C-alpha atoms as a PDB file:
ATOM      1  CA  MET A   1     108.501  78.325 124.179  1.00  0.00           C
ATOM      2  CA  ILE A   2     110.538  80.480 121.781  1.00  0.00           C
ATOM      3  CA  THR A   3     113.708  79.875 123.804  1.00  0.00           C
ATOM      4  CA  ALA A   4     113.267  76.108 123.550  1.00  0.00           C
ATOM      5  CA  LEU A   5     112.616  76.334 119.807  1.00  0.00           C
ATOM      6  CA  THR A   6     115.648  78.561 119.337  1.00  0.00           C
ATOM      7  CA  ALA A   7     117.804  75.995 121.127  1.00  0.00           C
ATOM      8  CA  LEU A   8     116.428  73.278 118.838  1.00  0.00           C
ATOM      9  CA  ILE A   9     117.174  75.421 115.762  1.00  0.00           C
ATOM     10  CA  GLU A  10     120.738  76.007 116.973  1.00  0.00           C
ATOM     11  CA  GLU A  11     121.211  72.288 117.659  1.00  0.00           C
ATOM     12  CA  TRP A  12     119.825  71.435 114.212  1.00  0.00           C
ATOM     13  CA  ALA A  13     122.228  73.927 112.612  1.00  0.00           C
ATOM     14  CA  ARG A  14     125.242  72.571 114.535  1.00  0.00           C
ATOM     15  CA  GLU A  15     124.409  68.971 113.570  1.00  0.00           C
ATOM     16  CA  ARG A  16     124.543  70.009 109.934  1.00  0.00           C
ATOM     17  CA  GLY A  17     127.659  72.173 110.213  1.00  0.00           C
ATOM     18  CA  LEU A  18     125.744  75.350 109.434  1.00  0.00           C
ATOM     19  CA  ASP A  19     127.224  77.077 112.476  1.00  0.00           C
ATOM     20  CA  ALA A  20     130.622  77.027 110.731  1.00  0.00           C
ATOM     21  CA  ALA A  21     129.344  77.909 107.243  1.00  0.00           C
ATOM     22  CA  ASP A  22     129.859  81.192 105.395  1.00  0.00           C
ATOM     23  CA  PRO A  23     127.525  83.896 106.786  1.00  0.00           C
ATOM     24  CA  ALA A  24     127.338  85.473 103.316  1.00  0.00           C
ATOM     25  CA  LYS A  25     125.475  82.382 102.109  1.00  0.00           C
ATOM     26  CA  GLN A  26     123.064  82.694 105.022  1.00  0.00           C
ATOM     27  CA  MET A  27     122.418  86.306 104.001  1.00  0.00           C
ATOM     28  CA  LEU A  28     121.430  85.072 100.535  1.00  0.00           C
ATOM     29  CA  LYS A  29     119.001  82.654 102.177  1.00  0.00           C
ATOM     30  CA  LEU A  30     117.573  85.518 104.222  1.00  0.00           C
ATOM     31  CA  GLY A  31     117.007  87.483 101.022  1.00  0.00           C
ATOM     32  CA  GLU A  32     115.205  84.506  99.491  1.00  0.00           C
ATOM     33  CA  GLU A  33     112.937  84.162 102.508  1.00  0.00           C
ATOM     34  CA  TYR A  34     112.278  87.917 102.556  1.00  0.00           C
ATOM     35  CA  GLY A  35     111.209  87.727  98.913  1.00  0.00           C
ATOM     36  CA  GLU A  36     108.774  84.949  99.770  1.00  0.00           C
ATOM     37  CA  LEU A  37     107.390  87.068 102.620  1.00  0.00           C
ATOM     38  CA  CYS A  38     106.874  90.014 100.278  1.00  0.00           C
ATOM     39  CA  GLN A  39     105.170  87.744  97.754  1.00  0.00           C
ATOM     40  CA  GLY A  40     102.877  86.320 100.423  1.00  0.00           C
ATOM     41  CA  LEU A  41     101.870  89.790 101.566  1.00  0.00           C
ATOM     42  CA  ALA A  42     101.367  91.058  98.014  1.00  0.00           C
ATOM     43  CA  LYS A  43      99.217  88.066  97.066  1.00  0.00           C
ATOM     44  CA  ASP A  44      97.338  87.949 100.387  1.00  0.00           C
ATOM     45  CA  LYS A  45      98.540  84.447 101.250  1.00  0.00           C
ATOM     46  CA  PRO A  46      98.504  84.297 105.078  1.00  0.00           C
ATOM     47  CA  GLU A  47     100.002  80.798 105.286  1.00  0.00           C
ATOM     48  CA  GLN A  48     102.937  81.824 103.097  1.00  0.00           C
ATOM     49  CA  VAL A  49     103.430  84.929 105.258  1.00  0.00           C
ATOM     50  CA  LYS A  50     103.427  82.829 108.437  1.00  0.00           C
ATOM     51  CA  ASP A  51     105.855  80.297 106.925  1.00  0.00           C
ATOM     52  CA  SER A  52     108.168  83.036 105.651  1.00  0.00           C
ATOM     53  CA  ILE A  53     108.342  84.804 109.010  1.00  0.00           C
ATOM     54  CA  GLY A  54     109.212  81.495 110.665  1.00  0.00           C
ATOM     55  CA  ASP A  55     111.813  80.718 108.005  1.00  0.00           C
ATOM     56  CA  MET A  56     113.371  84.152 108.470  1.00  0.00           C
ATOM     57  CA  TYR A  57     113.627  83.535 112.217  1.00  0.00           C
ATOM     58  CA  VAL A  58     115.406  80.244 111.550  1.00  0.00           C
ATOM     59  CA  VAL A  59     117.800  81.900 109.096  1.00  0.00           C
ATOM     60  CA  LEU A  60     118.518  84.799 111.479  1.00  0.00           C
ATOM     61  CA  THR A  61     119.102  82.356 114.335  1.00  0.00           C
ATOM     62  CA  ILE A  62     121.643  80.468 112.219  1.00  0.00           C
ATOM     63  CA  LEU A  63     123.265  83.693 111.007  1.00  0.00           C
ATOM     64  CA  SER A  64     123.689  84.932 114.570  1.00  0.00           C
ATOM     65  CA  LEU A  65     125.195  81.563 115.482  1.00  0.00           C
ATOM     66  CA  GLN A  66     127.666  81.827 112.589  1.00  0.00           C
ATOM     67  CA  LEU A  67     128.678  85.304 113.769  1.00  0.00           C
ATOM     68  CA  GLY A  68     129.196  84.190 117.362  1.00  0.00           C
ATOM     69  CA  LEU A  69     126.135  86.020 118.624  1.00  0.00           C
ATOM     70  CA  GLY A  70     123.020  84.727 120.277  1.00  0.00           C
ATOM     71  CA  ILE A  71     119.737  85.638 118.612  1.00  0.00           C
ATOM     72  CA  GLY A  72     118.404  86.414 122.087  1.00  0.00           C
ATOM     73  CA  GLU A  73     121.121  88.962 122.777  1.00  0.00           C
ATOM     74  CA  CYS A  74     120.460  90.565 119.374  1.00  0.00           C
ATOM     75  CA  VAL A  75     116.734  90.834 120.067  1.00  0.00           C
ATOM     76  CA  ALA A  76     117.354  92.067 123.617  1.00  0.00           C
ATOM     77  CA  GLY A  77     119.622  94.794 122.263  1.00  0.00           C
ATOM     78  CA  ALA A  78     117.042  95.839 119.699  1.00  0.00           C
ATOM     79  CA  TYR A  79     114.309  95.952 122.335  1.00  0.00           C
ATOM     80  CA  ALA A  80     116.502  98.006 124.669  1.00  0.00           C
ATOM     81  CA  GLU A  81     116.852 100.537 121.843  1.00  0.00           C
ATOM     82  CA  ILE A  82     113.135 100.824 121.108  1.00  0.00           C
ATOM     83  CA  LYS A  83     111.441 100.255 124.462  1.00  0.00           C
ATOM     84  CA  ASP A  84     111.258 103.937 125.400  1.00  0.00           C
ATOM     85  CA  ARG A  85     111.210 105.313 121.867  1.00  0.00           C
ATOM     86  CA  LYS A  86     108.660 107.960 121.089  1.00  0.00           C
ATOM     87  CA  GLY A  87     107.421 109.017 117.700  1.00  0.00           C
ATOM     88  CA  GLU A  88     104.432 109.258 115.414  1.00  0.00           C
ATOM     89  CA  MET A  89     102.630 107.134 112.884  1.00  0.00           C
ATOM     90  CA  ILE A  90     102.891 108.815 109.489  1.00  0.00           C
ATOM     91  CA  ASN A  91     101.238 107.122 106.512  1.00  0.00           C
ATOM     92  CA  GLY A  92     101.227 103.809 108.385  1.00  0.00           C
ATOM     93  CA  ILE A  93     104.928 103.966 109.308  1.00  0.00           C
ATOM     94  CA  PHE A  94     106.269 104.654 112.805  1.00  0.00           C
ATOM     95  CA  VAL A  95     108.740 107.536 112.601  1.00  0.00           C
ATOM     96  CA  LYS A  96     110.915 107.933 115.677  1.00  0.00           C
ATOM     97  CA  GLU A  97     110.924 111.303 117.375  1.00  0.00           C
ATOM     98  CA  ASP A  98     114.534 112.040 116.407  1.00  0.00           C
ATOM     99  CA  ASP A  99     113.645 111.688 112.726  1.00  0.00           C
ATOM    100  CA  LEU A 100     110.603 113.939 112.791  1.00  0.00           C
ATOM    101  CA  ILE A 101     111.027 117.261 111.023  1.00  0.00           C
ATOM    102  CA  ASN A 102     109.716 120.050 113.200  1.00  0.00           C
END
């Protein structure tokens, strides 16, 4: 399902010329959406959180398109980096093994 939605997002962006727009502007949009996500979490507004995460995915999909990358290849690369990662939870944050102080 996510692949089909991503294709629809990319098509929507191309139809509006966003694929050729300035990536710096898309970064500003990402910052705006991130702020809304933080606000939703801080104010315990689950619908705002859900909307913000979706909006951030749309913005990141468009940004990757503008940079000549596929969002799928970006996510696949990130997963390849973390899939075998070991570490510990410290104060609610996962700290990778390489960053742990022995």
